[in-house]
Amino acid sequence: MHILMFVVIGLVALSVFYFGAALFSRSGRTGAFVFIWAWLAASLVNGAVGVLRAGIPLLNEIGAFIPIFGIPAAVAWYLAFKHGAGS
C-alpha cells in the first residue's frame, strides 16, 4: 500500500509540475524534466527514512524505490518527449 500511495503522490506532483510550468512561462516539457530531478530527491529521502528510521532492510527499500521513482519518472519522460517535442 505504501508503494501505491507514493506512486499516486508522484503522479499528482507530476501534474502540478507539468501544468504549473506555464505559471513561470515555461513549457510542460521543462516542468517534466524538473519533476524528474525533484522526484529523484524525494524518492531517495523516502528510502533513507525507511532504512534509517523504520528499520526496513536496504534490499526491500531498493525494491520499493524502483516503482516509486520509476513509474512517475517514466510518465514524465513520456510527456516530455511525446507531448513536449514542439514546445
N, C-alpha and C. Protein backbone atom coordinates (compact mmCIF):
# COMPACT_ATOMS: atom_id res chain seq x y z
N MET A 1 0.83 -1.19 0.00
CA MET A 1 0.00 0.00 0.00
C MET A 1 0.88 1.26 0.00
N HIS A 2 2.00 1.19 0.69
CA HIS A 2 2.93 2.33 0.75
C HIS A 2 3.44 2.68 -0.65
N ILE A 3 3.78 1.68 -1.41
CA ILE A 3 4.30 1.92 -2.77
C ILE A 3 3.23 2.56 -3.63
N LEU A 4 2.02 2.02 -3.61
CA LEU A 4 0.92 2.58 -4.40
C LEU A 4 0.64 4.03 -4.01
N MET A 5 0.67 4.30 -2.71
CA MET A 5 0.42 5.65 -2.23
C MET A 5 1.46 6.63 -2.78
N PHE A 6 2.73 6.24 -2.75
CA PHE A 6 3.77 7.14 -3.23
C PHE A 6 3.78 7.27 -4.75
N VAL A 7 3.39 6.23 -5.47
CA VAL A 7 3.27 6.35 -6.92
C VAL A 7 2.17 7.35 -7.27
N VAL A 8 1.05 7.27 -6.58
CA VAL A 8 -0.05 8.21 -6.82
C VAL A 8 0.38 9.63 -6.46
N ILE A 9 1.06 9.80 -5.35
CA ILE A 9 1.57 11.12 -4.97
C ILE A 9 2.52 11.64 -6.04
N GLY A 10 3.37 10.78 -6.58
CA GLY A 10 4.29 11.17 -7.63
C GLY A 10 3.57 11.61 -8.89
N LEU A 11 2.50 10.91 -9.26
CA LEU A 11 1.76 11.29 -10.45
C LEU A 11 1.01 12.61 -10.25
N VAL A 12 0.51 12.83 -9.05
CA VAL A 12 -0.14 14.12 -8.75
C VAL A 12 0.90 15.24 -8.79
N ALA A 13 2.07 15.00 -8.21
CA ALA A 13 3.13 16.01 -8.25
C ALA A 13 3.57 16.28 -9.68
N LEU A 14 3.64 15.25 -10.49
CA LEU A 14 3.99 15.44 -11.90
C LEU A 14 3.00 16.36 -12.59
N SER A 15 1.72 16.15 -12.33
CA SER A 15 0.72 17.02 -12.96
C SER A 15 0.88 18.47 -12.51
N VAL A 16 1.24 18.67 -11.25
CA VAL A 16 1.48 20.04 -10.76
C VAL A 16 2.68 20.64 -11.47
N PHE A 17 3.75 19.90 -11.61
CA PHE A 17 4.95 20.40 -12.31
C PHE A 17 4.66 20.64 -13.78
N TYR A 18 3.96 19.69 -14.41
CA TYR A 18 3.73 19.75 -15.86
C TYR A 18 2.84 20.94 -16.22
N PHE A 19 1.72 21.07 -15.52
CA PHE A 19 0.79 22.15 -15.84
C PHE A 19 1.18 23.46 -15.14
N GLY A 20 1.87 23.37 -14.02
CA GLY A 20 2.30 24.56 -13.30
C GLY A 20 3.47 25.28 -13.95
N ALA A 21 4.15 24.62 -14.85
CA ALA A 21 5.28 25.27 -15.54
C ALA A 21 4.82 26.48 -16.32
N ALA A 22 3.58 26.47 -16.78
CA ALA A 22 3.04 27.61 -17.54
C ALA A 22 2.97 28.87 -16.68
N LEU A 23 2.84 28.72 -15.37
CA LEU A 23 2.82 29.89 -14.48
C LEU A 23 4.15 30.63 -14.49
N PHE A 24 5.21 29.93 -14.85
CA PHE A 24 6.54 30.53 -14.91
C PHE A 24 7.00 30.73 -16.35
N SER A 25 6.03 30.75 -17.26
CA SER A 25 6.29 30.93 -18.69
C SER A 25 7.24 29.86 -19.24
N ARG A 26 7.08 28.67 -18.78
CA ARG A 26 7.87 27.52 -19.24
C ARG A 26 6.94 26.50 -19.88
N SER A 27 7.51 25.60 -20.65
CA SER A 27 6.70 24.55 -21.28
C SER A 27 6.49 23.40 -20.30
N GLY A 28 5.52 22.57 -20.64
CA GLY A 28 5.28 21.36 -19.86
C GLY A 28 6.48 20.44 -19.89
N ARG A 29 7.21 20.47 -21.01
CA ARG A 29 8.42 19.65 -21.14
C ARG A 29 9.44 20.03 -20.07
N THR A 30 9.64 21.31 -19.87
CA THR A 30 10.57 21.77 -18.83
C THR A 30 10.08 21.36 -17.45
N GLY A 31 8.78 21.49 -17.23
CA GLY A 31 8.22 21.06 -15.95
C GLY A 31 8.43 19.59 -15.69
N ALA A 32 8.31 18.77 -16.74
CA ALA A 32 8.51 17.33 -16.59
C ALA A 32 9.97 17.01 -16.26
N PHE A 33 10.90 17.71 -16.91
CA PHE A 33 12.32 17.48 -16.60
C PHE A 33 12.67 17.89 -15.17
N VAL A 34 12.15 19.02 -14.74
CA VAL A 34 12.40 19.46 -13.36
C VAL A 34 11.80 18.47 -12.38
N PHE A 35 10.61 17.96 -12.70
CA PHE A 35 9.96 16.97 -11.84
C PHE A 35 10.82 15.74 -11.65
N ILE A 36 11.45 15.26 -12.72
CA ILE A 36 12.26 14.04 -12.61
C ILE A 36 13.34 14.20 -11.55
N TRP A 37 14.03 15.34 -11.55
CA TRP A 37 15.09 15.56 -10.56
C TRP A 37 14.52 15.73 -9.16
N ALA A 38 13.42 16.47 -9.04
CA ALA A 38 12.80 16.66 -7.73
C ALA A 38 12.26 15.34 -7.18
N TRP A 39 11.68 14.52 -8.06
CA TRP A 39 11.14 13.24 -7.62
C TRP A 39 12.25 12.26 -7.25
N LEU A 40 13.37 12.33 -7.94
CA LEU A 40 14.52 11.51 -7.57
C LEU A 40 14.96 11.84 -6.15
N ALA A 41 15.07 13.12 -5.84
CA ALA A 41 15.48 13.54 -4.49
C ALA A 41 14.45 13.08 -3.45
N ALA A 42 13.17 13.26 -3.73
CA ALA A 42 12.13 12.85 -2.79
C ALA A 42 12.13 11.33 -2.60
N SER A 43 12.34 10.58 -3.66
CA SER A 43 12.35 9.12 -3.57
C SER A 43 13.55 8.62 -2.77
N LEU A 44 14.70 9.27 -2.95
CA LEU A 44 15.88 8.90 -2.17
C LEU A 44 15.70 9.21 -0.68
N VAL A 45 15.09 10.34 -0.39
CA VAL A 45 14.81 10.68 1.02
C VAL A 45 13.83 9.67 1.60
N ASN A 46 12.81 9.31 0.86
CA ASN A 46 11.85 8.31 1.32
C ASN A 46 12.55 6.98 1.64
N GLY A 47 13.45 6.56 0.77
CA GLY A 47 14.19 5.32 1.01
C GLY A 47 15.11 5.42 2.21
N ALA A 48 15.77 6.56 2.37
CA ALA A 48 16.67 6.75 3.51
C ALA A 48 15.89 6.72 4.82
N VAL A 49 14.73 7.33 4.85
CA VAL A 49 13.90 7.30 6.06
C VAL A 49 13.47 5.87 6.35
N GLY A 50 13.12 5.13 5.33
CA GLY A 50 12.72 3.74 5.53
C GLY A 50 13.83 2.89 6.13
N VAL A 51 15.05 3.11 5.66
CA VAL A 51 16.18 2.31 6.16
C VAL A 51 16.62 2.80 7.54
N LEU A 52 16.79 4.10 7.69
CA LEU A 52 17.38 4.64 8.91
C LEU A 52 16.39 4.76 10.07
N ARG A 53 15.16 5.13 9.81
CA ARG A 53 14.21 5.36 10.88
C ARG A 53 13.26 4.18 11.11
N ALA A 54 12.81 3.56 10.03
CA ALA A 54 11.84 2.47 10.17
C ALA A 54 12.50 1.10 10.26
N GLY A 55 13.79 1.03 9.98
CA GLY A 55 14.49 -0.24 10.09
C GLY A 55 14.18 -1.23 8.98
N ILE A 56 13.74 -0.75 7.85
CA ILE A 56 13.45 -1.62 6.72
C ILE A 56 14.77 -2.00 6.05
N PRO A 57 14.97 -3.26 5.71
CA PRO A 57 16.22 -3.67 5.06
C PRO A 57 16.46 -2.92 3.75
N LEU A 58 17.72 -2.65 3.48
CA LEU A 58 18.11 -1.88 2.29
C LEU A 58 17.60 -2.54 1.01
N LEU A 59 17.67 -3.85 0.93
CA LEU A 59 17.21 -4.56 -0.27
C LEU A 59 15.72 -4.34 -0.50
N ASN A 60 14.93 -4.33 0.57
CA ASN A 60 13.50 -4.05 0.42
C ASN A 60 13.26 -2.63 -0.06
N GLU A 61 14.03 -1.69 0.45
CA GLU A 61 13.87 -0.30 0.03
C GLU A 61 14.28 -0.10 -1.42
N ILE A 62 15.30 -0.82 -1.86
CA ILE A 62 15.69 -0.73 -3.27
C ILE A 62 14.57 -1.27 -4.15
N GLY A 63 13.97 -2.37 -3.73
CA GLY A 63 12.84 -2.92 -4.46
C GLY A 63 11.64 -1.99 -4.51
N ALA A 64 11.42 -1.23 -3.44
CA ALA A 64 10.32 -0.27 -3.41
C ALA A 64 10.67 0.98 -4.20
N PHE A 65 11.94 1.35 -4.22
CA PHE A 65 12.38 2.56 -4.92
C PHE A 65 12.10 2.46 -6.42
N ILE A 66 12.25 1.28 -6.98
CA ILE A 66 12.11 1.12 -8.43
C ILE A 66 10.72 1.57 -8.92
N PRO A 67 9.62 1.06 -8.37
CA PRO A 67 8.33 1.57 -8.85
C PRO A 67 8.01 2.97 -8.33
N ILE A 68 8.43 3.29 -7.11
CA ILE A 68 8.13 4.61 -6.55
C ILE A 68 8.74 5.71 -7.41
N PHE A 69 9.98 5.55 -7.81
CA PHE A 69 10.61 6.54 -8.68
C PHE A 69 10.30 6.27 -10.15
N GLY A 70 10.35 5.01 -10.54
CA GLY A 70 10.31 4.65 -11.95
C GLY A 70 9.01 4.96 -12.67
N ILE A 71 7.87 4.69 -12.05
CA ILE A 71 6.60 4.90 -12.74
C ILE A 71 6.34 6.38 -13.01
N PRO A 72 6.40 7.26 -11.98
CA PRO A 72 6.19 8.68 -12.28
C PRO A 72 7.26 9.27 -13.20
N ALA A 73 8.51 8.82 -13.05
CA ALA A 73 9.57 9.34 -13.92
C ALA A 73 9.37 8.89 -15.36
N ALA A 74 8.91 7.67 -15.57
CA ALA A 74 8.64 7.19 -16.93
C ALA A 74 7.50 7.97 -17.57
N VAL A 75 6.47 8.28 -16.80
CA VAL A 75 5.36 9.09 -17.32
C VAL A 75 5.86 10.49 -17.65
N ALA A 76 6.71 11.06 -16.79
CA ALA A 76 7.27 12.39 -17.05
C ALA A 76 8.12 12.38 -18.31
N TRP A 77 8.92 11.36 -18.48
CA TRP A 77 9.76 11.24 -19.67
C TRP A 77 8.89 11.15 -20.93
N TYR A 78 7.83 10.38 -20.84
CA TYR A 78 6.90 10.25 -21.96
C TYR A 78 6.27 11.60 -22.30
N LEU A 79 5.80 12.31 -21.29
CA LEU A 79 5.18 13.62 -21.52
C LEU A 79 6.18 14.61 -22.12
N ALA A 80 7.41 14.55 -21.66
CA ALA A 80 8.42 15.49 -22.14
C ALA A 80 8.75 15.24 -23.61
N PHE A 81 8.79 14.01 -24.03
CA PHE A 81 9.19 13.72 -25.40
C PHE A 81 8.03 13.52 -26.36
N LYS A 82 6.94 12.98 -25.91
CA LYS A 82 5.80 12.74 -26.80
C LYS A 82 4.98 14.01 -26.99
N HIS A 83 4.67 14.68 -25.89
CA HIS A 83 3.79 15.84 -25.96
C HIS A 83 4.55 17.16 -25.92
N GLY A 84 5.82 17.13 -25.60
CA GLY A 84 6.57 18.37 -25.46
C GLY A 84 7.56 18.60 -26.58
N ALA A 85 7.53 17.81 -27.61
CA ALA A 85 8.53 17.90 -28.68
C ALA A 85 8.49 19.25 -29.40
N GLY A 86 7.33 19.82 -29.58
CA GLY A 86 7.25 21.08 -30.29
C GLY A 86 7.30 22.30 -29.39
N SER A 87 7.38 22.08 -28.09
CA SER A 87 7.34 23.20 -27.13
C SER A 87 8.68 23.84 -26.94
